[in-house]
PDB file of N, CA and C in Angstrom:
ATOM      1  N   MET A   1      17.397  -9.368   2.014  1.00  0.00           N
ATOM      2  CA  MET A   1      17.438 -10.656   1.382  1.00  0.00           C
ATOM      3  C   MET A   1      16.579 -10.590   0.091  1.00  0.00           C
ATOM      4  N   GLN A   2      17.139 -11.050  -0.981  1.00  0.00           N
ATOM      5  CA  GLN A   2      16.379 -11.098  -2.231  1.00  0.00           C
ATOM      6  C   GLN A   2      15.422 -12.291  -2.243  1.00  0.00           C
ATOM      7  N   ILE A   3      14.139 -12.006  -2.437  1.00  0.00           N
ATOM      8  CA  ILE A   3      13.148 -13.116  -2.417  1.00  0.00           C
ATOM      9  C   ILE A   3      12.439 -13.188  -3.796  1.00  0.00           C
ATOM     10  N   GLY A   4      12.811 -12.326  -4.747  1.00  0.00           N
ATOM     11  CA  GLY A   4      12.144 -12.351  -6.015  1.00  0.00           C
ATOM     12  C   GLY A   4      12.964 -11.770  -7.142  1.00  0.00           C
ATOM     13  N   GLU A   5      12.699 -12.219  -8.379  1.00  0.00           N
ATOM     14  CA  GLU A   5      13.271 -11.653  -9.573  1.00  0.00           C
ATOM     15  C   GLU A   5      12.132 -11.330 -10.514  1.00  0.00           C
ATOM     16  N   PHE A   6      12.205 -10.159 -11.067  1.00  0.00           N
ATOM     17  CA  PHE A   6      11.137  -9.666 -11.962  1.00  0.00           C
ATOM     18  C   PHE A   6      11.741  -9.049 -13.261  1.00  0.00           C
ATOM     19  N   ARG A   7      10.938  -9.063 -14.293  1.00  0.00           N
ATOM     20  CA  ARG A   7      11.287  -8.414 -15.571  1.00  0.00           C
ATOM     21  C   ARG A   7      10.183  -7.435 -15.894  1.00  0.00           C
ATOM     22  N   LYS A   8      10.584  -6.252 -16.293  1.00  0.00           N
ATOM     23  CA  LYS A   8       9.630  -5.196 -16.707  1.00  0.00           C
ATOM     24  C   LYS A   8       8.968  -5.685 -18.010  1.00  0.00           C
ATOM     25  N   THR A   9       7.671  -5.488 -18.077  1.00  0.00           N
ATOM     26  CA  THR A   9       6.901  -5.808 -19.270  1.00  0.00           C
ATOM     27  C   THR A   9       6.227  -4.521 -19.824  1.00  0.00           C
ATOM     28  N   ARG A  10       5.462  -4.659 -20.843  1.00  0.00           N
ATOM     29  CA  ARG A  10       4.804  -3.480 -21.374  1.00  0.00           C
ATOM     30  C   ARG A  10       3.871  -2.879 -20.369  1.00  0.00           C
ATOM     31  N   ASP A  11       3.146  -3.683 -19.648  1.00  0.00           N
ATOM     32  CA  ASP A  11       2.098  -3.207 -18.728  1.00  0.00           C
ATOM     33  C   ASP A  11       2.474  -3.258 -17.309  1.00  0.00           C
ATOM     34  N   GLY A  12       3.546  -3.980 -16.902  1.00  0.00           N
ATOM     35  CA  GLY A  12       3.867  -4.112 -15.526  1.00  0.00           C
ATOM     36  C   GLY A  12       5.150  -4.900 -15.335  1.00  0.00           C
ATOM     37  N   TYR A  13       5.058  -5.916 -14.496  1.00  0.00           N
ATOM     38  CA  TYR A  13       6.244  -6.743 -14.161  1.00  0.00           C
ATOM     39  C   TYR A  13       5.806  -8.200 -14.058  1.00  0.00           C
ATOM     40  N   GLU A  14       6.685  -9.114 -14.518  1.00  0.00           N
ATOM     41  CA  GLU A  14       6.456 -10.548 -14.385  1.00  0.00           C
ATOM     42  C   GLU A  14       7.681 -11.139 -13.731  1.00  0.00           C
ATOM     43  N   GLY A  15       7.409 -12.125 -12.827  1.00  0.00           N
ATOM     44  CA  GLY A  15       8.579 -12.760 -12.210  1.00  0.00           C
ATOM     45  C   GLY A  15       8.185 -13.841 -11.201  1.00  0.00           C
ATOM     46  N   SER A  16       9.041 -14.061 -10.237  1.00  0.00           N
ATOM     47  CA  SER A  16       8.803 -15.120  -9.258  1.00  0.00           C
ATOM     48  C   SER A  16       9.207 -14.630  -7.864  1.00  0.00           C
ATOM     49  N   ILE A  17       8.531 -15.247  -6.904  1.00  0.00           N
ATOM     50  CA  ILE A  17       8.884 -15.021  -5.503  1.00  0.00           C
ATOM     51  C   ILE A  17       9.282 -16.408  -4.945  1.00  0.00           C
ATOM     52  N   ARG A  18      10.514 -16.481  -4.396  1.00  0.00           N
ATOM     53  CA  ARG A  18      11.000 -17.749  -3.860  1.00  0.00           C
ATOM     54  C   ARG A  18      11.610 -17.589  -2.482  1.00  0.00           C
ATOM     55  N   SER A  19      11.252 -18.493  -1.612  1.00  0.00           N
ATOM     56  CA  SER A  19      11.819 -18.578  -0.261  1.00  0.00           C
ATOM     57  C   SER A  19      11.655 -20.046   0.201  1.00  0.00           C
ATOM     58  N   LEU A  20      11.973 -20.292   1.438  1.00  0.00           N
ATOM     59  CA  LEU A  20      11.821 -21.680   1.888  1.00  0.00           C
ATOM     60  C   LEU A  20      10.374 -22.178   1.850  1.00  0.00           C
ATOM     61  N   THR A  21       9.434 -21.260   1.917  1.00  0.00           N
ATOM     62  CA  THR A  21       8.014 -21.636   1.931  1.00  0.00           C
ATOM     63  C   THR A  21       7.218 -21.140   0.725  1.00  0.00           C
ATOM     64  N   ILE A  22       7.819 -20.295  -0.059  1.00  0.00           N
ATOM     65  CA  ILE A  22       7.073 -19.690  -1.214  1.00  0.00           C
ATOM     66  C   ILE A  22       7.768 -20.061  -2.501  1.00  0.00           C
ATOM     67  N   ASP A  23       7.014 -20.497  -3.481  1.00  0.00           N
ATOM     68  CA  ASP A  23       7.524 -20.719  -4.823  1.00  0.00           C
ATOM     69  C   ASP A  23       6.398 -20.382  -5.765  1.00  0.00           C
ATOM     70  N   ALA A  24       6.387 -19.092  -6.185  1.00  0.00           N
ATOM     71  CA  ALA A  24       5.255 -18.595  -6.936  1.00  0.00           C
ATOM     72  C   ALA A  24       5.672 -17.787  -8.142  1.00  0.00           C
ATOM     73  N   GLU A  25       5.001 -18.053  -9.248  1.00  0.00           N
ATOM     74  CA  GLU A  25       5.115 -17.186 -10.472  1.00  0.00           C
ATOM     75  C   GLU A  25       4.076 -16.060 -10.282  1.00  0.00           C
ATOM     76  N   VAL A  26       4.447 -14.874 -10.408  1.00  0.00           N
ATOM     77  CA  VAL A  26       3.570 -13.704 -10.102  1.00  0.00           C
ATOM     78  C   VAL A  26       3.699 -12.610 -11.145  1.00  0.00           C
ATOM     79  N   CYS A  27       2.740 -11.694 -11.156  1.00  0.00           N
ATOM     80  CA  CYS A  27       2.704 -10.496 -11.982  1.00  0.00           C
ATOM     81  C   CYS A  27       2.270  -9.303 -11.163  1.00  0.00           C
ATOM     82  N   LEU A  28       2.848  -8.206 -11.433  1.00  0.00           N
ATOM     83  CA  LEU A  28       2.395  -6.928 -10.933  1.00  0.00           C
ATOM     84  C   LEU A  28       1.729  -6.172 -12.087  1.00  0.00           C
ATOM     85  N   VAL A  29       0.466  -5.903 -11.925  1.00  0.00           N
ATOM     86  CA  VAL A  29      -0.266  -5.229 -13.012  1.00  0.00           C
ATOM     87  C   VAL A  29      -0.878  -3.981 -12.464  1.00  0.00           C
ATOM     88  N   PRO A  30      -1.073  -2.948 -13.263  1.00  0.00           N
ATOM     89  CA  PRO A  30      -1.692  -1.675 -12.769  1.00  0.00           C
ATOM     90  C   PRO A  30      -3.039  -1.933 -12.151  1.00  0.00           C
ATOM     91  N   ALA A  31      -3.251  -1.298 -10.977  1.00  0.00           N
ATOM     92  CA  ALA A  31      -4.561  -1.399 -10.301  1.00  0.00           C
ATOM     93  C   ALA A  31      -5.530  -0.416 -10.938  1.00  0.00           C
ATOM     94  N   GLN A  32      -6.815  -0.704 -10.780  1.00  0.00           N
ATOM     95  CA  GLN A  32      -7.804   0.247 -11.271  1.00  0.00           C
ATOM     96  C   GLN A  32      -7.703   1.521 -10.440  1.00  0.00           C
ATOM     97  N   PHE A  33      -7.821   2.693 -11.137  1.00  0.00           N
ATOM     98  CA  PHE A  33      -7.643   3.964 -10.454  1.00  0.00           C
ATOM     99  C   PHE A  33      -8.709   4.132  -9.371  1.00  0.00           C
ATOM    100  N   SER A  34      -8.302   4.678  -8.205  1.00  0.00           N
ATOM    101  CA  SER A  34      -9.155   4.939  -7.091  1.00  0.00           C
ATOM    102  C   SER A  34      -8.800   6.268  -6.507  1.00  0.00           C
ATOM    103  N   LYS A  35      -9.827   7.017  -6.084  1.00  0.00           N
ATOM    104  CA  LYS A  35      -9.584   8.335  -5.412  1.00  0.00           C
ATOM    105  C   LYS A  35      -9.347   8.094  -3.939  1.00  0.00           C
ATOM    106  N   ALA A  36      -9.465   6.872  -3.459  1.00  0.00           N
ATOM    107  CA  ALA A  36      -9.240   6.560  -2.033  1.00  0.00           C
ATOM    108  C   ALA A  36      -7.845   6.845  -1.611  1.00  0.00           C
ATOM    109  N   GLU A  37      -7.681   7.438  -0.420  1.00  0.00           N
ATOM    110  CA  GLU A  37      -6.380   7.724   0.099  1.00  0.00           C
ATOM    111  C   GLU A  37      -5.620   6.368   0.314  1.00  0.00           C
ATOM    112  N   ASN A  38      -4.391   6.345  -0.108  1.00  0.00           N
ATOM    113  CA  ASN A  38      -3.498   5.171   0.053  1.00  0.00           C
ATOM    114  C   ASN A  38      -3.951   3.978  -0.768  1.00  0.00           C
ATOM    115  N   ALA A  39      -4.784   4.167  -1.807  1.00  0.00           N
ATOM    116  CA  ALA A  39      -5.184   3.064  -2.670  1.00  0.00           C
ATOM    117  C   ALA A  39      -3.951   2.555  -3.424  1.00  0.00           C
ATOM    118  N   PRO A  40      -3.820   1.262  -3.613  1.00  0.00           N
ATOM    119  CA  PRO A  40      -2.663   0.744  -4.306  1.00  0.00           C
ATOM    120  C   PRO A  40      -2.629   1.115  -5.795  1.00  0.00           C
ATOM    121  N   GLU A  41      -1.376   1.295  -6.368  1.00  0.00           N
ATOM    122  CA  GLU A  41      -1.246   1.521  -7.742  1.00  0.00           C
ATOM    123  C   GLU A  41      -1.054   0.231  -8.529  1.00  0.00           C
ATOM    124  N   TRP A  42      -0.769  -0.838  -7.839  1.00  0.00           N
ATOM    125  CA  TRP A  42      -0.475  -2.150  -8.458  1.00  0.00           C
ATOM    126  C   TRP A  42      -1.250  -3.267  -7.758  1.00  0.00           C
ATOM    127  N   ARG A  43      -1.560  -4.313  -8.505  1.00  0.00           N
ATOM    128  CA  ARG A  43      -2.125  -5.541  -8.019  1.00  0.00           C
ATOM    129  C   ARG A  43      -1.107  -6.674  -8.225  1.00  0.00           C
ATOM    130  N   LEU A  44      -0.880  -7.462  -7.195  1.00  0.00           N
ATOM    131  CA  LEU A  44       0.052  -8.614  -7.314  1.00  0.00           C
ATOM    132  C   LEU A  44      -0.791  -9.875  -7.534  1.00  0.00           C
ATOM    133  N   LEU A  45      -0.612 -10.484  -8.647  1.00  0.00           N
ATOM    134  CA  LEU A  45      -1.371 -11.684  -8.999  1.00  0.00           C
ATOM    135  C   LEU A  45      -0.466 -12.934  -9.065  1.00  0.00           C
ATOM    136  N   ARG A  46      -0.960 -14.043  -8.544  1.00  0.00           N
ATOM    137  CA  ARG A  46      -0.245 -15.306  -8.659  1.00  0.00           C
ATOM    138  C   ARG A  46      -0.783 -16.016  -9.906  1.00  0.00           C
ATOM    139  N   GLY A  47       0.155 -16.415 -10.747  1.00  0.00           N
ATOM    140  CA  GLY A  47      -0.232 -17.092 -11.977  1.00  0.00           C
ATOM    141  C   GLY A  47      -0.312 -16.158 -13.143  1.00  0.00           C
ATOM    142  N   ASP A  48      -1.274 -16.375 -14.000  1.00  0.00           N
ATOM    143  CA  ASP A  48      -1.428 -15.637 -15.251  1.00  0.00           C
ATOM    144  C   ASP A  48      -1.694 -14.171 -14.974  1.00  0.00           C
ATOM    145  N   CYS A  49      -1.115 -13.286 -15.766  1.00  0.00           N
ATOM    146  CA  CYS A  49      -1.260 -11.847 -15.580  1.00  0.00           C
ATOM    147  C   CYS A  49      -2.670 -11.311 -15.882  1.00  0.00           C
ATOM    148  N   ASP A  50      -3.494 -12.061 -16.596  1.00  0.00           N
ATOM    149  CA  ASP A  50      -4.857 -11.664 -16.918  1.00  0.00           C
ATOM    150  C   ASP A  50      -5.859 -12.343 -15.992  1.00  0.00           C
ATOM    151  N   THR A  51      -5.592 -13.563 -15.592  1.00  0.00           N
ATOM    152  CA  THR A  51      -6.579 -14.318 -14.806  1.00  0.00           C
ATOM    153  C   THR A  51      -6.076 -14.789 -13.459  1.00  0.00           C
ATOM    154  N   GLY A  52      -4.900 -14.411 -13.044  1.00  0.00           N
ATOM    155  CA  GLY A  52      -4.344 -14.863 -11.795  1.00  0.00           C
ATOM    156  C   GLY A  52      -5.120 -14.440 -10.539  1.00  0.00           C
ATOM    157  N   VAL A  53      -4.823 -15.041  -9.475  1.00  0.00           N
ATOM    158  CA  VAL A  53      -5.462 -14.727  -8.167  1.00  0.00           C
ATOM    159  C   VAL A  53      -4.733 -13.610  -7.526  1.00  0.00           C
ATOM    160  N   GLU A  54      -5.445 -12.608  -7.064  1.00  0.00           N
ATOM    161  CA  GLU A  54      -4.851 -11.437  -6.394  1.00  0.00           C
ATOM    162  C   GLU A  54      -4.366 -11.885  -4.982  1.00  0.00           C
ATOM    163  N   ILE A  55      -3.073 -11.697  -4.730  1.00  0.00           N
ATOM    164  CA  ILE A  55      -2.511 -12.014  -3.432  1.00  0.00           C
ATOM    165  C   ILE A  55      -1.909 -10.832  -2.750  1.00  0.00           C
ATOM    166  N   GLY A  56      -1.851  -9.676  -3.384  1.00  0.00           N
ATOM    167  CA  GLY A  56      -1.247  -8.533  -2.725  1.00  0.00           C
ATOM    168  C   GLY A  56      -1.385  -7.289  -3.606  1.00  0.00           C
ATOM    169  N   ALA A  57      -0.654  -6.259  -3.187  1.00  0.00           N
ATOM    170  CA  ALA A  57      -0.734  -4.949  -3.825  1.00  0.00           C
ATOM    171  C   ALA A  57       0.581  -4.253  -3.737  1.00  0.00           C
ATOM    172  N   GLY A  58       0.718  -3.149  -4.498  1.00  0.00           N
ATOM    173  CA  GLY A  58       1.956  -2.371  -4.493  1.00  0.00           C
ATOM    174  C   GLY A  58       1.663  -0.887  -4.605  1.00  0.00           C
ATOM    175  N   TRP A  59       2.610  -0.100  -4.054  1.00  0.00           N
ATOM    176  CA  TRP A  59       2.518   1.384  -4.063  1.00  0.00           C
ATOM    177  C   TRP A  59       3.804   1.959  -4.532  1.00  0.00           C
ATOM    178  N   ASN A  60       3.732   2.952  -5.423  1.00  0.00           N
ATOM    179  CA  ASN A  60       4.907   3.621  -5.961  1.00  0.00           C
ATOM    180  C   ASN A  60       5.525   4.571  -4.916  1.00  0.00           C
ATOM    181  N   HIS A  61       6.847   4.490  -4.828  1.00  0.00           N
ATOM    182  CA  HIS A  61       7.619   5.362  -3.930  1.00  0.00           C
ATOM    183  C   HIS A  61       8.868   5.793  -4.596  1.00  0.00           C
ATOM    184  N   THR A  62       9.472   6.809  -4.058  1.00  0.00           N
ATOM    185  CA  THR A  62      10.826   7.283  -4.476  1.00  0.00           C
ATOM    186  C   THR A  62      11.673   7.473  -3.252  1.00  0.00           C
ATOM    187  N   GLY A  63      12.821   6.811  -3.297  1.00  0.00           N
ATOM    188  CA  GLY A  63      13.778   6.934  -2.200  1.00  0.00           C
ATOM    189  C   GLY A  63      14.949   7.786  -2.591  1.00  0.00           C
ATOM    190  N   GLU A  64      15.557   8.409  -1.553  1.00  0.00           N
ATOM    191  CA  GLU A  64      16.708   9.273  -1.833  1.00  0.00           C
ATOM    192  C   GLU A  64      17.824   8.499  -2.513  1.00  0.00           C
ATOM    193  N   ARG A  65      18.150   7.301  -2.020  1.00  0.00           N
ATOM    194  CA  ARG A  65      19.257   6.548  -2.574  1.00  0.00           C
ATOM    195  C   ARG A  65      18.794   5.487  -3.626  1.00  0.00           C
ATOM    196  N   ALA A  66      17.607   4.912  -3.382  1.00  0.00           N
ATOM    197  CA  ALA A  66      17.150   3.833  -4.253  1.00  0.00           C
ATOM    198  C   ALA A  66      16.476   4.352  -5.531  1.00  0.00           C
ATOM    199  N   GLY A  67      15.980   5.604  -5.506  1.00  0.00           N
ATOM    200  CA  GLY A  67      15.223   6.109  -6.627  1.00  0.00           C
ATOM    201  C   GLY A  67      13.814   5.536  -6.598  1.00  0.00           C
ATOM    202  N   ALA A  68      13.208   5.371  -7.767  1.00  0.00           N
ATOM    203  CA  ALA A  68      11.840   4.869  -7.848  1.00  0.00           C
ATOM    204  C   ALA A  68      11.819   3.352  -7.490  1.00  0.00           C
ATOM    205  N   TYR A  69      10.834   2.996  -6.717  1.00  0.00           N
ATOM    206  CA  TYR A  69      10.625   1.584  -6.359  1.00  0.00           C
ATOM    207  C   TYR A  69       9.149   1.347  -6.044  1.00  0.00           C
ATOM    208  N   ILE A  70       8.794   0.059  -5.918  1.00  0.00           N
ATOM    209  CA  ILE A  70       7.418  -0.290  -5.608  1.00  0.00           C
ATOM    210  C   ILE A  70       7.414  -1.037  -4.274  1.00  0.00           C
ATOM    211  N   ALA A  71       6.684  -0.514  -3.256  1.00  0.00           N
ATOM    212  CA  ALA A  71       6.519  -1.188  -2.016  1.00  0.00           C
ATOM    213  C   ALA A  71       5.433  -2.193  -2.204  1.00  0.00           C
ATOM    214  N   VAL A  72       5.726  -3.498  -1.997  1.00  0.00           N
ATOM    215  CA  VAL A  72       4.822  -4.585  -2.301  1.00  0.00           C
ATOM    216  C   VAL A  72       4.390  -5.204  -0.937  1.00  0.00           C
ATOM    217  N   GLN A  73       3.167  -5.575  -0.817  1.00  0.00           N
ATOM    218  CA  GLN A  73       2.645  -6.343   0.287  1.00  0.00           C
ATOM    219  C   GLN A  73       1.781  -7.472  -0.161  1.00  0.00           C
ATOM    220  N   PHE A  74       2.094  -8.712   0.379  1.00  0.00           N
ATOM    221  CA  PHE A  74       1.230  -9.852   0.028  1.00  0.00           C
ATOM    222  C   PHE A  74       1.024 -10.689   1.257  1.00  0.00           C
ATOM    223  N   ASP A  75      -0.088 -11.460   1.166  1.00  0.00           N
ATOM    224  CA  ASP A  75      -0.474 -12.216   2.380  1.00  0.00           C
ATOM    225  C   ASP A  75      -1.024 -13.593   1.970  1.00  0.00           C
ATOM    226  N   ASP A  76      -1.094 -14.456   2.949  1.00  0.00           N
ATOM    227  CA  ASP A  76      -1.632 -15.775   2.804  1.00  0.00           C
ATOM    228  C   ASP A  76      -2.167 -16.240   4.179  1.00  0.00           C
ATOM    229  N   PRO A  77      -3.217 -17.004   4.222  1.00  0.00           N
ATOM    230  CA  PRO A  77      -3.706 -17.432   5.561  1.00  0.00           C
ATOM    231  C   PRO A  77      -2.689 -18.195   6.369  1.00  0.00           C
ATOM    232  N   GLN A  78      -1.682 -18.787   5.719  1.00  0.00           N
ATOM    233  CA  GLN A  78      -0.655 -19.539   6.478  1.00  0.00           C
ATOM    234  C   GLN A  78       0.409 -18.619   7.076  1.00  0.00           C
ATOM    235  N   PHE A  79       0.463 -17.353   6.649  1.00  0.00           N
ATOM    236  CA  PHE A  79       1.493 -16.425   7.171  1.00  0.00           C
ATOM    237  C   PHE A  79       1.001 -15.875   8.522  1.00  0.00           C
ATOM    238  N   ALA A  80       1.976 -15.626   9.431  1.00  0.00           N
ATOM    239  CA  ALA A  80       1.636 -14.956  10.695  1.00  0.00           C
ATOM    240  C   ALA A  80       1.269 -13.516  10.482  1.00  0.00           C
ATOM    241  N   GLU A  81       1.854 -12.910   9.452  1.00  0.00           N
ATOM    242  CA  GLU A  81       1.555 -11.475   9.097  1.00  0.00           C
ATOM    243  C   GLU A  81       1.924 -11.273   7.648  1.00  0.00           C
ATOM    244  N   PRO A  82       1.426 -10.180   7.056  1.00  0.00           N
ATOM    245  CA  PRO A  82       1.719  -9.955   5.638  1.00  0.00           C
ATOM    246  C   PRO A  82       3.199  -9.796   5.399  1.00  0.00           C
ATOM    247  N   VAL A  83       3.640 -10.160   4.219  1.00  0.00           N
ATOM    248  CA  VAL A  83       5.080  -9.931   3.814  1.00  0.00           C
ATOM    249  C   VAL A  83       5.153  -8.548   3.115  1.00  0.00           C
ATOM    250  N   ARG A  84       6.058  -7.734   3.559  1.00  0.00           N
ATOM    251  CA  ARG A  84       6.302  -6.463   2.945  1.00  0.00           C
ATOM    252  C   ARG A  84       7.688  -6.457   2.418  1.00  0.00           C
ATOM    253  N   ALA A  85       7.812  -6.115   1.104  1.00  0.00           N
ATOM    254  CA  ALA A  85       9.067  -6.079   0.415  1.00  0.00           C
ATOM    255  C   ALA A  85       9.112  -4.939  -0.630  1.00  0.00           C
ATOM    256  N   ASN A  86      10.279  -4.659  -1.170  1.00  0.00           N
ATOM    257  CA  ASN A  86      10.428  -3.542  -2.146  1.00  0.00           C
ATOM    258  C   ASN A  86      10.971  -4.093  -3.414  1.00  0.00           C
ATOM    259  N   LEU A  87      10.340  -3.683  -4.523  1.00  0.00           N
ATOM    260  CA  LEU A  87      10.766  -4.046  -5.866  1.00  0.00           C
ATOM    261  C   LEU A  87      11.634  -2.893  -6.428  1.00  0.00           C
ATOM    262  N   LEU A  88      12.906  -3.230  -6.619  1.00  0.00           N
ATOM    263  CA  LEU A  88      13.876  -2.234  -7.099  1.00  0.00           C
ATOM    264  C   LEU A  88      14.525  -2.674  -8.381  1.00  0.00           C
ATOM    265  N   ARG A  89      14.989  -1.749  -9.194  1.00  0.00           N
ATOM    266  CA  ARG A  89      15.748  -2.059 -10.375  1.00  0.00           C
ATOM    267  C   ARG A  89      17.004  -2.789  -9.963  1.00  0.00           C
ATOM    268  N   ALA A  90      17.310  -3.905 -10.587  1.00  0.00           N
ATOM    269  CA  ALA A  90      18.464  -4.753 -10.215  1.00  0.00           C
ATOM    270  C   ALA A  90      19.746  -4.235 -10.770  1.00  0.00           C
ATOM    271  N   SER A  91      19.699  -3.543 -11.905  1.00  0.00           N
ATOM    272  CA  SER A  91      20.914  -3.076 -12.510  1.00  0.00           C
ATOM    273  C   SER A  91      20.534  -1.876 -13.462  1.00  0.00           C
ATOM    274  N   GLN A  92      21.554  -1.370 -14.086  1.00  0.00           N
ATOM    275  CA  GLN A  92      21.320  -0.289 -15.046  1.00  0.00           C
ATOM    276  C   GLN A  92      20.849  -0.846 -16.397  1.00  0.00           C
ATOM    277  N   ARG A  93      20.694  -2.126 -16.506  1.00  0.00           N
ATOM    278  CA  ARG A  93      20.229  -2.699 -17.789  1.00  0.00           C
ATOM    279  C   ARG A  93      18.755  -2.459 -18.027  1.00  0.00           C
ATOM    280  N   GLY A  94      18.040  -1.959 -17.052  1.00  0.00           N
ATOM    281  CA  GLY A  94      16.699  -1.527 -17.310  1.00  0.00           C
ATOM    282  C   GLY A  94      15.557  -2.394 -16.944  1.00  0.00           C
ATOM    283  N   ASP A  95      15.439  -3.595 -17.532  1.00  0.00           N
ATOM    284  CA  ASP A  95      14.184  -4.369 -17.296  1.00  0.00           C
ATOM    285  C   ASP A  95      14.278  -5.406 -16.173  1.00  0.00           C
ATOM    286  N   GLU A  96      15.503  -5.587 -15.540  1.00  0.00           N
ATOM    287  CA  GLU A  96      15.622  -6.542 -14.477  1.00  0.00           C
ATOM    288  C   GLU A  96      15.401  -5.874 -13.165  1.00  0.00           C
ATOM    289  N   HIS A  97      14.544  -6.496 -12.291  1.00  0.00           N
ATOM    290  CA  HIS A  97      14.261  -5.935 -11.003  1.00  0.00           C
ATOM    291  C   HIS A  97      14.327  -7.048  -9.947  1.00  0.00           C
ATOM    292  N   MET A  98      14.523  -6.677  -8.683  1.00  0.00           N
ATOM    293  CA  MET A  98      14.653  -7.678  -7.611  1.00  0.00           C
ATOM    294  C   MET A  98      13.710  -7.252  -6.502  1.00  0.00           C
ATOM    295  N   LEU A  99      13.111  -8.252  -5.894  1.00  0.00           N
ATOM    296  CA  LEU A  99      12.207  -8.045  -4.745  1.00  0.00           C
ATOM    297  C   LEU A  99      13.044  -8.302  -3.455  1.00  0.00           C
ATOM    298  N   LEU A 100      13.181  -7.260  -2.655  1.00  0.00           N
ATOM    299  CA  LEU A 100      13.985  -7.348  -1.394  1.00  0.00           C
ATOM    300  C   LEU A 100      13.104  -7.310  -0.179  1.00  0.00           C
ATOM    301  N   TRP A 101      13.397  -8.195   0.750  1.00  0.00           N
ATOM    302  CA  TRP A 101      12.707  -8.296   2.011  1.00  0.00           C
ATOM    303  C   TRP A 101      13.727  -8.204   3.158  1.00  0.00           C
ATOM    304  N   SER A 102      13.329  -7.573   4.257  1.00  0.00           N
ATOM    305  CA  SER A 102      14.124  -7.671   5.505  1.00  0.00           C
ATOM    306  C   SER A 102      13.172  -7.736   6.670  1.00  0.00           C
ATOM    307  N   ARG A 103      13.579  -8.477   7.666  1.00  0.00           N
ATOM    308  CA  ARG A 103      12.728  -8.675   8.861  1.00  0.00           C
ATOM    309  C   ARG A 103      12.496  -7.345   9.539  1.00  0.00           C
ATOM    310  N   PRO A 104      11.247  -6.990   9.836  1.00  0.00           N
ATOM    311  CA  PRO A 104      10.983  -5.738  10.520  1.00  0.00           C
ATOM    312  C   PRO A 104      11.582  -5.721  11.898  1.00  0.00           C
ATOM    313  N   SER A 105      12.120  -4.595  12.301  1.00  0.00           N
ATOM    314  CA  SER A 105      12.670  -4.497  13.661  1.00  0.00           C
ATOM    315  C   SER A 105      11.530  -4.398  14.685  1.00  0.00           C
ATOM    316  N   ALA A 106      11.837  -4.632  15.921  1.00  0.00           N
ATOM    317  CA  ALA A 106      10.808  -4.583  16.972  1.00  0.00           C
ATOM    318  C   ALA A 106      10.139  -3.202  17.009  1.00  0.00           C
ATOM    319  N   ARG A 107      10.829  -2.152  16.752  1.00  0.00           N
ATOM    320  CA  ARG A 107      10.222  -0.805  16.805  1.00  0.00           C
ATOM    321  C   ARG A 107       9.312  -0.551  15.606  1.00  0.00           C
ATOM    322  N   ASP A 108       9.458  -1.302  14.519  1.00  0.00           N
ATOM    323  CA  ASP A 108       8.616  -1.172  13.334  1.00  0.00           C
ATOM    324  C   ASP A 108       7.326  -1.932  13.436  1.00  0.00           C
ATOM    325  N   ARG A 109       7.229  -2.817  14.457  1.00  0.00           N
ATOM    326  CA  ARG A 109       5.955  -3.622  14.583  1.00  0.00           C
ATOM    327  C   ARG A 109       4.951  -2.834  15.438  1.00  0.00           C
ATOM    328  N   PRO A 110       3.634  -3.130  15.173  1.00  0.00           N
ATOM    329  CA  PRO A 110       2.609  -2.493  15.961  1.00  0.00           C
ATOM    330  C   PRO A 110       2.571  -2.879  17.388  1.00  0.00           C
TER     331      PRO A 110
END
């Protein structure tokens, strides 16, 4: 299910996340470099790309069929658990991307 639309910018991505309970303008901006294992490469901010509130993070991945994508995770105290979704290129036009979510199967849950 598509829950977001993003546009590639010079430094990252700008867009929105929309669902029955979420209506947020957000930005993905590069995270500060860290040597820590599994440190995120991206910060997900709600609101302005320079001063927004950090609500999540992203990690670069490459899939066999999807190619390069960003695995995004964001959370809120009202959520039962974090939302995990993937930011993929929407078309061959280059700067349009979509955030896709699917409900985790029972075997994927802890």
